[in-house]
C-alpha atoms as a PDB file:
ATOM      1  CA  UNK A   1       0.000   0.000   0.000  1.00  0.00           C
ATOM      2  CA  UNK A   2       1.355   3.401  -0.970  1.00  0.00           C
ATOM      3  CA  UNK A   3       1.381   5.986   1.814  1.00  0.00           C
ATOM      4  CA  UNK A   4       1.594   9.704   1.034  1.00  0.00           C
ATOM      5  CA  UNK A   5       4.500  11.779   2.345  1.00  0.00           C
ATOM      6  CA  UNK A   6       2.045  13.815   4.408  1.00  0.00           C
ATOM      7  CA  UNK A   7       0.614  10.781   6.184  1.00  0.00           C
ATOM      8  CA  UNK A   8       4.018   9.221   6.789  1.00  0.00           C
ATOM      9  CA  UNK A   9       5.224  12.522   8.240  1.00  0.00           C
ATOM     10  CA  UNK A  10       2.266  12.523  10.613  1.00  0.00           C
ATOM     11  CA  UNK A  11       3.039   8.939  11.580  1.00  0.00           C
ATOM     12  CA  UNK A  12       6.614   9.897  12.379  1.00  0.00           C
ATOM     13  CA  UNK A  13       5.440  12.718  14.651  1.00  0.00           C
ATOM     14  CA  UNK A  14       2.879  10.543  16.434  1.00  0.00           C
ATOM     15  CA  UNK A  15       5.369   7.740  16.955  1.00  0.00           C
ATOM     16  CA  UNK A  16       8.086  10.047  18.194  1.00  0.00           C
ATOM     17  CA  UNK A  17       5.707  11.801  20.548  1.00  0.00           C
ATOM     18  CA  UNK A  18       4.751   8.481  22.145  1.00  0.00           C
ATOM     19  CA  UNK A  19       8.217   6.932  22.233  1.00  0.00           C
ATOM     20  CA  UNK A  20      10.565   9.898  22.729  1.00  0.00           C
ATOM     21  CA  UNK A  21      11.347   9.233  26.386  1.00  0.00           C
ATOM     22  CA  UNK A  22      12.454   5.690  25.612  1.00  0.00           C
ATOM     23  CA  UNK A  23      14.554   6.787  22.669  1.00  0.00           C
ATOM     24  CA  UNK A  24      16.564   9.249  24.724  1.00  0.00           C
ATOM     25  CA  UNK A  25      16.762   7.222  27.912  1.00  0.00           C
ATOM     26  CA  UNK A  26      19.402   4.764  26.780  1.00  0.00           C
ATOM     27  CA  UNK A  27      18.910   2.776  23.627  1.00  0.00           C
ATOM     28  CA  UNK A  28      17.204   3.908  20.437  1.00  0.00           C
ATOM     29  CA  UNK A  29      14.017   1.894  20.212  1.00  0.00           C
ATOM     30  CA  UNK A  30      13.472  -0.236  17.129  1.00  0.00           C
ATOM     31  CA  UNK A  31      10.142   1.418  16.366  1.00  0.00           C
ATOM     32  CA  UNK A  32      11.596   4.948  16.485  1.00  0.00           C
ATOM     33  CA  UNK A  33      14.464   3.769  14.294  1.00  0.00           C
ATOM     34  CA  UNK A  34      11.974   2.430  11.747  1.00  0.00           C
ATOM     35  CA  UNK A  35       9.916   5.617  11.779  1.00  0.00           C
ATOM     36  CA  UNK A  36      12.983   7.795  11.294  1.00  0.00           C
ATOM     37  CA  UNK A  37      14.479   5.701   8.498  1.00  0.00           C
ATOM     38  CA  UNK A  38      11.351   4.337   6.755  1.00  0.00           C
ATOM     39  CA  UNK A  39      12.037   6.367   3.595  1.00  0.00           C
ATOM     40  CA  UNK A  40      15.674   5.370   3.105  1.00  0.00           C
ATOM     41  CA  UNK A  41      17.359   7.714   5.571  1.00  0.00           C
ATOM     42  CA  UNK A  42      20.280   6.503   7.656  1.00  0.00           C
ATOM     43  CA  UNK A  43      21.335   7.650  11.097  1.00  0.00           C
ATOM     44  CA  UNK A  44      24.241  10.100  11.201  1.00  0.00           C
ATOM     45  CA  UNK A  45      26.128  11.763  14.036  1.00  0.00           C
ATOM     46  CA  UNK A  46      25.261  15.395  14.633  1.00  0.00           C
ATOM     47  CA  UNK A  47      26.505  16.452  18.044  1.00  0.00           C
ATOM     48  CA  UNK A  48      24.132  19.409  18.349  1.00  0.00           C
ATOM     49  CA  UNK A  49      20.957  17.268  18.316  1.00  0.00           C
ATOM     50  CA  UNK A  50      19.747  14.009  19.854  1.00  0.00           C
ATOM     51  CA  UNK A  51      18.880  12.184  16.617  1.00  0.00           C
ATOM     52  CA  UNK A  52      19.756  12.932  12.994  1.00  0.00           C
ATOM     53  CA  UNK A  53      19.093  10.984   9.808  1.00  0.00           C
ATOM     54  CA  UNK A  54      20.132  11.787   6.233  1.00  0.00           C
ATOM     55  CA  UNK A  55      19.668  10.318   2.778  1.00  0.00           C
ATOM     56  CA  UNK A  56      22.898   8.595   1.668  1.00  0.00           C
ATOM     57  CA  UNK A  57      24.706  10.765  -0.871  1.00  0.00           C
ATOM     58  CA  UNK A  58      22.391  13.743  -0.389  1.00  0.00           C
ATOM     59  CA  UNK A  59      23.945  17.209  -0.120  1.00  0.00           C
ATOM     60  CA  UNK A  60      22.636  20.613   0.900  1.00  0.00           C
ATOM     61  CA  UNK A  61      25.287  22.411  -1.145  1.00  0.00           C
ATOM     62  CA  UNK A  62      22.956  23.109  -4.082  1.00  0.00           C
ATOM     63  CA  UNK A  63      20.334  24.938  -2.020  1.00  0.00           C
ATOM     64  CA  UNK A  64      20.614  28.711  -1.726  1.00  0.00           C
ATOM     65  CA  UNK A  65      16.998  29.546  -0.814  1.00  0.00           C
ATOM     66  CA  UNK A  66      14.496  28.134   1.659  1.00  0.00           C
ATOM     67  CA  UNK A  67      10.754  27.577   1.867  1.00  0.00           C
ATOM     68  CA  UNK A  68       9.927  27.643   5.575  1.00  0.00           C
ATOM     69  CA  UNK A  69       6.594  25.931   6.157  1.00  0.00           C
ATOM     70  CA  UNK A  70       4.361  27.154   9.004  1.00  0.00           C
ATOM     71  CA  UNK A  71       5.527  25.746  12.335  1.00  0.00           C
ATOM     72  CA  UNK A  72       3.186  23.251  14.004  1.00  0.00           C
ATOM     73  CA  UNK A  73       3.055  22.871  17.785  1.00  0.00           C
ATOM     74  CA  UNK A  74       1.521  20.130  19.934  1.00  0.00           C
ATOM     75  CA  UNK A  75       1.514  19.758  23.711  1.00  0.00           C
ATOM     76  CA  UNK A  76       2.799  16.886  25.806  1.00  0.00           C
ATOM     77  CA  UNK A  77       0.105  14.364  26.653  1.00  0.00           C
ATOM     78  CA  UNK A  78       1.261  14.657  30.289  1.00  0.00           C
ATOM     79  CA  UNK A  79       0.596  18.413  30.421  1.00  0.00           C
ATOM     80  CA  UNK A  80      -2.419  19.189  32.585  1.00  0.00           C
ATOM     81  CA  UNK A  81      -2.377  22.984  32.427  1.00  0.00           C
ATOM     82  CA  UNK A  82      -3.863  25.059  35.197  1.00  0.00           C
ATOM     83  CA  UNK A  83      -3.894  28.780  35.642  1.00  0.00           C
ATOM     84  CA  UNK A  84      -0.881  29.862  37.622  1.00  0.00           C
ATOM     85  CA  UNK A  85      -1.736  30.101  41.323  1.00  0.00           C
ATOM     86  CA  UNK A  86      -5.131  28.376  40.997  1.00  0.00           C
ATOM     87  CA  UNK A  87      -6.769  25.000  40.430  1.00  0.00           C
ATOM     88  CA  UNK A  88      -8.691  26.171  37.380  1.00  0.00           C
ATOM     89  CA  UNK A  89      -7.639  24.568  34.106  1.00  0.00           C
ATOM     90  CA  UNK A  90      -6.679  26.722  31.173  1.00  0.00           C
ATOM     91  CA  UNK A  91      -9.423  27.398  28.679  1.00  0.00           C
ATOM     92  CA  UNK A  92      -9.165  26.268  25.085  1.00  0.00           C
ATOM     93  CA  UNK A  93      -8.501  29.882  24.110  1.00  0.00           C
ATOM     94  CA  UNK A  94      -5.635  30.167  26.598  1.00  0.00           C
ATOM     95  CA  UNK A  95      -4.100  26.898  25.404  1.00  0.00           C
ATOM     96  CA  UNK A  96      -4.353  28.081  21.799  1.00  0.00           C
ATOM     97  CA  UNK A  97      -2.695  31.369  22.760  1.00  0.00           C
ATOM     98  CA  UNK A  98       0.286  29.455  24.180  1.00  0.00           C
ATOM     99  CA  UNK A  99       0.457  27.108  21.199  1.00  0.00           C
ATOM    100  CA  UNK A 100       0.253  29.838  18.586  1.00  0.00           C
ATOM    101  CA  UNK A 101       2.693  31.994  20.548  1.00  0.00           C
ATOM    102  CA  UNK A 102       5.269  29.209  20.547  1.00  0.00           C
ATOM    103  CA  UNK A 103       4.734  28.630  16.823  1.00  0.00           C
ATOM    104  CA  UNK A 104       5.298  32.318  16.086  1.00  0.00           C
ATOM    105  CA  UNK A 105       8.488  32.465  18.151  1.00  0.00           C
ATOM    106  CA  UNK A 106       9.981  29.396  16.449  1.00  0.00           C
ATOM    107  CA  UNK A 107       8.958  30.611  12.982  1.00  0.00           C
ATOM    108  CA  UNK A 108      10.531  34.023  13.567  1.00  0.00           C
ATOM    109  CA  UNK A 109      13.769  32.642  15.015  1.00  0.00           C
ATOM    110  CA  UNK A 110      14.280  30.266  12.086  1.00  0.00           C
ATOM    111  CA  UNK A 111      13.498  33.014   9.565  1.00  0.00           C
ATOM    112  CA  UNK A 112      15.880  35.442  11.256  1.00  0.00           C
ATOM    113  CA  UNK A 113      18.738  32.968  11.610  1.00  0.00           C
ATOM    114  CA  UNK A 114      18.494  31.549   8.097  1.00  0.00           C
ATOM    115  CA  UNK A 115      18.488  34.980   6.446  1.00  0.00           C
ATOM    116  CA  UNK A 116      21.106  36.663   8.661  1.00  0.00           C
ATOM    117  CA  UNK A 117      24.411  37.873   7.162  1.00  0.00           C
ATOM    118  CA  UNK A 118      23.448  37.396   3.519  1.00  0.00           C
ATOM    119  CA  UNK A 119      22.271  33.881   4.244  1.00  0.00           C
ATOM    120  CA  UNK A 120      19.400  31.984   2.660  1.00  0.00           C
ATOM    121  CA  UNK A 121      16.408  34.074   1.473  1.00  0.00           C
ATOM    122  CA  UNK A 122      12.949  32.752   2.276  1.00  0.00           C
ATOM    123  CA  UNK A 123      10.836  32.197  -0.834  1.00  0.00           C
ATOM    124  CA  UNK A 124       7.350  30.883  -1.581  1.00  0.00           C
ATOM    125  CA  UNK A 125       7.889  28.862  -4.744  1.00  0.00           C
ATOM    126  CA  UNK A 126       9.757  25.630  -5.445  1.00  0.00           C
ATOM    127  CA  UNK A 127      12.932  25.551  -7.523  1.00  0.00           C
ATOM    128  CA  UNK A 128      16.094  23.510  -8.125  1.00  0.00           C
ATOM    129  CA  UNK A 129      18.001  25.578  -5.550  1.00  0.00           C
ATOM    130  CA  UNK A 130      15.180  25.772  -2.987  1.00  0.00           C
ATOM    131  CA  UNK A 131      15.169  23.671   0.187  1.00  0.00           C
ATOM    132  CA  UNK A 132      11.835  23.043   1.900  1.00  0.00           C
ATOM    133  CA  UNK A 133      12.037  23.041   5.690  1.00  0.00           C
ATOM    134  CA  UNK A 134       9.267  21.731   7.918  1.00  0.00           C
ATOM    135  CA  UNK A 135       9.652  22.428  11.632  1.00  0.00           C
ATOM    136  CA  UNK A 136       7.347  20.903  14.255  1.00  0.00           C
ATOM    137  CA  UNK A 137       7.403  21.281  18.014  1.00  0.00           C
ATOM    138  CA  UNK A 138       6.018  18.302  19.909  1.00  0.00           C
ATOM    139  CA  UNK A 139       5.709  17.447  23.602  1.00  0.00           C
ATOM    140  CA  UNK A 140       5.587  21.122  24.615  1.00  0.00           C
ATOM    141  CA  UNK A 141       5.345  21.334  28.394  1.00  0.00           C
ATOM    142  CA  UNK A 142       5.035  24.729  30.094  1.00  0.00           C
ATOM    143  CA  UNK A 143       5.618  24.467  33.835  1.00  0.00           C
ATOM    144  CA  UNK A 144       3.767  27.622  34.886  1.00  0.00           C
ATOM    145  CA  UNK A 145       1.821  29.262  32.055  1.00  0.00           C
ATOM    146  CA  UNK A 146       1.135  32.951  32.596  1.00  0.00           C
ATOM    147  CA  UNK A 147      -2.307  33.935  31.301  1.00  0.00           C
ATOM    148  CA  UNK A 148      -2.309  37.544  32.539  1.00  0.00           C
ATOM    149  CA  UNK A 149      -5.402  36.757  34.604  1.00  0.00           C
ATOM    150  CA  UNK A 150      -6.495  39.400  37.115  1.00  0.00           C
ATOM    151  CA  UNK A 151      -5.306  38.796  40.669  1.00  0.00           C
ATOM    152  CA  UNK A 152      -2.813  36.114  39.665  1.00  0.00           C
ATOM    153  CA  UNK A 153      -0.093  35.126  42.116  1.00  0.00           C
ATOM    154  CA  UNK A 154       3.615  34.823  41.484  1.00  0.00           C
ATOM    155  CA  UNK A 155       4.902  31.318  40.798  1.00  0.00           C
ATOM    156  CA  UNK A 156       8.578  30.395  40.972  1.00  0.00           C
ATOM    157  CA  UNK A 157       9.977  27.472  38.984  1.00  0.00           C
ATOM    158  CA  UNK A 158      13.369  25.846  38.346  1.00  0.00           C
ATOM    159  CA  UNK A 159      12.700  25.729  34.589  1.00  0.00           C
ATOM    160  CA  UNK A 160      10.121  27.271  32.262  1.00  0.00           C
ATOM    161  CA  UNK A 161       9.494  23.901  30.626  1.00  0.00           C
ATOM    162  CA  UNK A 162      10.633  21.693  27.761  1.00  0.00           C
ATOM    163  CA  UNK A 163       9.907  20.887  24.119  1.00  0.00           C
ATOM    164  CA  UNK A 164      11.061  18.603  21.314  1.00  0.00           C
ATOM    165  CA  UNK A 165      11.943  19.694  17.796  1.00  0.00           C
ATOM    166  CA  UNK A 166      11.247  17.554  14.738  1.00  0.00           C
ATOM    167  CA  UNK A 167      12.634  19.022  11.499  1.00  0.00           C
ATOM    168  CA  UNK A 168      12.430  17.628   7.979  1.00  0.00           C
ATOM    169  CA  UNK A 169      14.440  18.939   5.039  1.00  0.00           C
ATOM    170  CA  UNK A 170      13.048  18.214   1.583  1.00  0.00           C
ATOM    171  CA  UNK A 171      13.867  18.982  -2.002  1.00  0.00           C
ATOM    172  CA  UNK A 172      11.229  21.571  -2.908  1.00  0.00           C
ATOM    173  CA  UNK A 173      10.625  20.206  -6.415  1.00  0.00           C
ATOM    174  CA  UNK A 174      10.501  16.465  -5.810  1.00  0.00           C
ATOM    175  CA  UNK A 175       9.383  16.451  -2.183  1.00  0.00           C
ATOM    176  CA  UNK A 176      12.065  13.871  -1.375  1.00  0.00           C
ATOM    177  CA  UNK A 177      13.179  13.922   2.260  1.00  0.00           C
ATOM    178  CA  UNK A 178      16.897  14.693   2.504  1.00  0.00           C
ATOM    179  CA  UNK A 179      17.300  14.789   6.267  1.00  0.00           C
ATOM    180  CA  UNK A 180      15.383  14.576   9.496  1.00  0.00           C
ATOM    181  CA  UNK A 181      16.444  15.587  12.984  1.00  0.00           C
ATOM    182  CA  UNK A 182      14.932  15.381  16.449  1.00  0.00           C
ATOM    183  CA  UNK A 183      16.075  17.174  19.574  1.00  0.00           C
ATOM    184  CA  UNK A 184      14.572  17.535  23.031  1.00  0.00           C
ATOM    185  CA  UNK A 185      15.522  20.577  25.069  1.00  0.00           C
ATOM    186  CA  UNK A 186      14.653  21.949  28.479  1.00  0.00           C
ATOM    187  CA  UNK A 187      14.603  25.640  29.254  1.00  0.00           C
ATOM    188  CA  UNK A 188      17.579  26.910  31.233  1.00  0.00           C
ATOM    189  CA  UNK A 189      17.835  25.440  34.697  1.00  0.00           C
ATOM    190  CA  UNK A 190      19.810  27.261  37.382  1.00  0.00           C
ATOM    191  CA  UNK A 191      20.690  24.733  40.134  1.00  0.00           C
ATOM    192  CA  UNK A 192      19.548  25.856  43.546  1.00  0.00           C
ATOM    193  CA  UNK A 193      17.633  28.830  42.157  1.00  0.00           C
ATOM    194  CA  UNK A 194      13.999  29.474  41.380  1.00  0.00           C
ATOM    195  CA  UNK A 195      12.836  31.983  38.774  1.00  0.00           C
ATOM    196  CA  UNK A 196       9.562  33.877  38.676  1.00  0.00           C
ATOM    197  CA  UNK A 197       7.536  32.402  35.839  1.00  0.00           C
ATOM    198  CA  UNK A 198       5.782  35.011  33.742  1.00  0.00           C
ATOM    199  CA  UNK A 199       4.835  35.626  30.138  1.00  0.00           C
ATOM    200  CA  UNK A 200       8.063  37.498  29.346  1.00  0.00           C
ATOM    201  CA  UNK A 201      10.325  34.877  30.895  1.00  0.00           C
ATOM    202  CA  UNK A 202       8.524  32.026  29.133  1.00  0.00           C
ATOM    203  CA  UNK A 203       8.846  33.810  25.783  1.00  0.00           C
ATOM    204  CA  UNK A 204      12.552  34.475  26.349  1.00  0.00           C
ATOM    205  CA  UNK A 205      13.226  30.831  27.136  1.00  0.00           C
ATOM    206  CA  UNK A 206      11.294  29.752  24.032  1.00  0.00           C
ATOM    207  CA  UNK A 207      13.366  32.147  21.926  1.00  0.00           C
ATOM    208  CA  UNK A 208      16.610  30.722  23.327  1.00  0.00           C
ATOM    209  CA  UNK A 209      15.595  27.155  22.461  1.00  0.00           C
ATOM    210  CA  UNK A 210      14.306  28.105  19.016  1.00  0.00           C
ATOM    211  CA  UNK A 211      17.462  30.096  18.240  1.00  0.00           C
ATOM    212  CA  UNK A 212      19.664  27.139  19.188  1.00  0.00           C
ATOM    213  CA  UNK A 213      17.711  24.828  16.873  1.00  0.00           C
ATOM    214  CA  UNK A 214      17.789  27.349  14.026  1.00  0.00           C
ATOM    215  CA  UNK A 215      21.556  27.715  14.356  1.00  0.00           C
ATOM    216  CA  UNK A 216      21.982  23.955  13.882  1.00  0.00           C
ATOM    217  CA  UNK A 217      20.219  24.161  10.520  1.00  0.00           C
ATOM    218  CA  UNK A 218      22.121  27.295   9.487  1.00  0.00           C
ATOM    219  CA  UNK A 219      25.422  25.682  10.434  1.00  0.00           C
ATOM    220  CA  UNK A 220      24.568  22.580   8.386  1.00  0.00           C
ATOM    221  CA  UNK A 221      23.762  24.696   5.320  1.00  0.00           C
ATOM    222  CA  UNK A 222      26.878  26.811   5.696  1.00  0.00           C
ATOM    223  CA  UNK A 223      29.077  23.753   6.116  1.00  0.00           C
ATOM    224  CA  UNK A 224      27.602  22.128   2.995  1.00  0.00           C
ATOM    225  CA  UNK A 225      28.311  25.241   0.935  1.00  0.00           C
ATOM    226  CA  UNK A 226      31.885  25.462   2.217  1.00  0.00           C
ATOM    227  CA  UNK A 227      32.473  21.868   1.145  1.00  0.00           C
ATOM    228  CA  UNK A 228      30.887  22.591  -2.242  1.00  0.00           C
ATOM    229  CA  UNK A 229      33.307  25.445  -2.890  1.00  0.00           C
ATOM    230  CA  UNK A 230      36.406  23.299  -2.403  1.00  0.00           C
END
């Protein structure tokens, strides 16, 4: 049975979301391995991220522009969000505000990093020199969401939360997957210290994580072009 690239991508995300803890605990699970490599990709070493797979023989050297698809965000199934300082659960609107806010931050950080210093312009249309990048954030867990509710109390946390990146790089014309990477990160943790959790702090921590992920992609593109010039 033939499965579309869209449905297989969804299957990868669902599988990774369910099995991520096992994959990073000690040994890469067989099921995660199959999901990551089902379309011919092979595991490679990339020290900046937890898992990376690439198509044998594929190169990023020929890509000088990027299509950056809209970022998708999904929460951890273990997240049971409540308004900070109360036992009331977040409304659907408040959850959507957090989700869309995270998506915007990640989208902006990737766009800024990719285009910085005469880098890789973002375009809308496919082409032989255009790389298509799909970024998804899964397992987002916000320790103390700040909803700006009236009369809210201050909440102090050791970390703002955690999230996992799943990124797929495709040839924009053929749709063929060239590489896939997965990386779980926790917001900065200062041992022995607690930080007041608020909307500004949560956004700053999200920006730091998103910037780090974007720099991995930019570094990979830059390195491929340096090799291509030799």
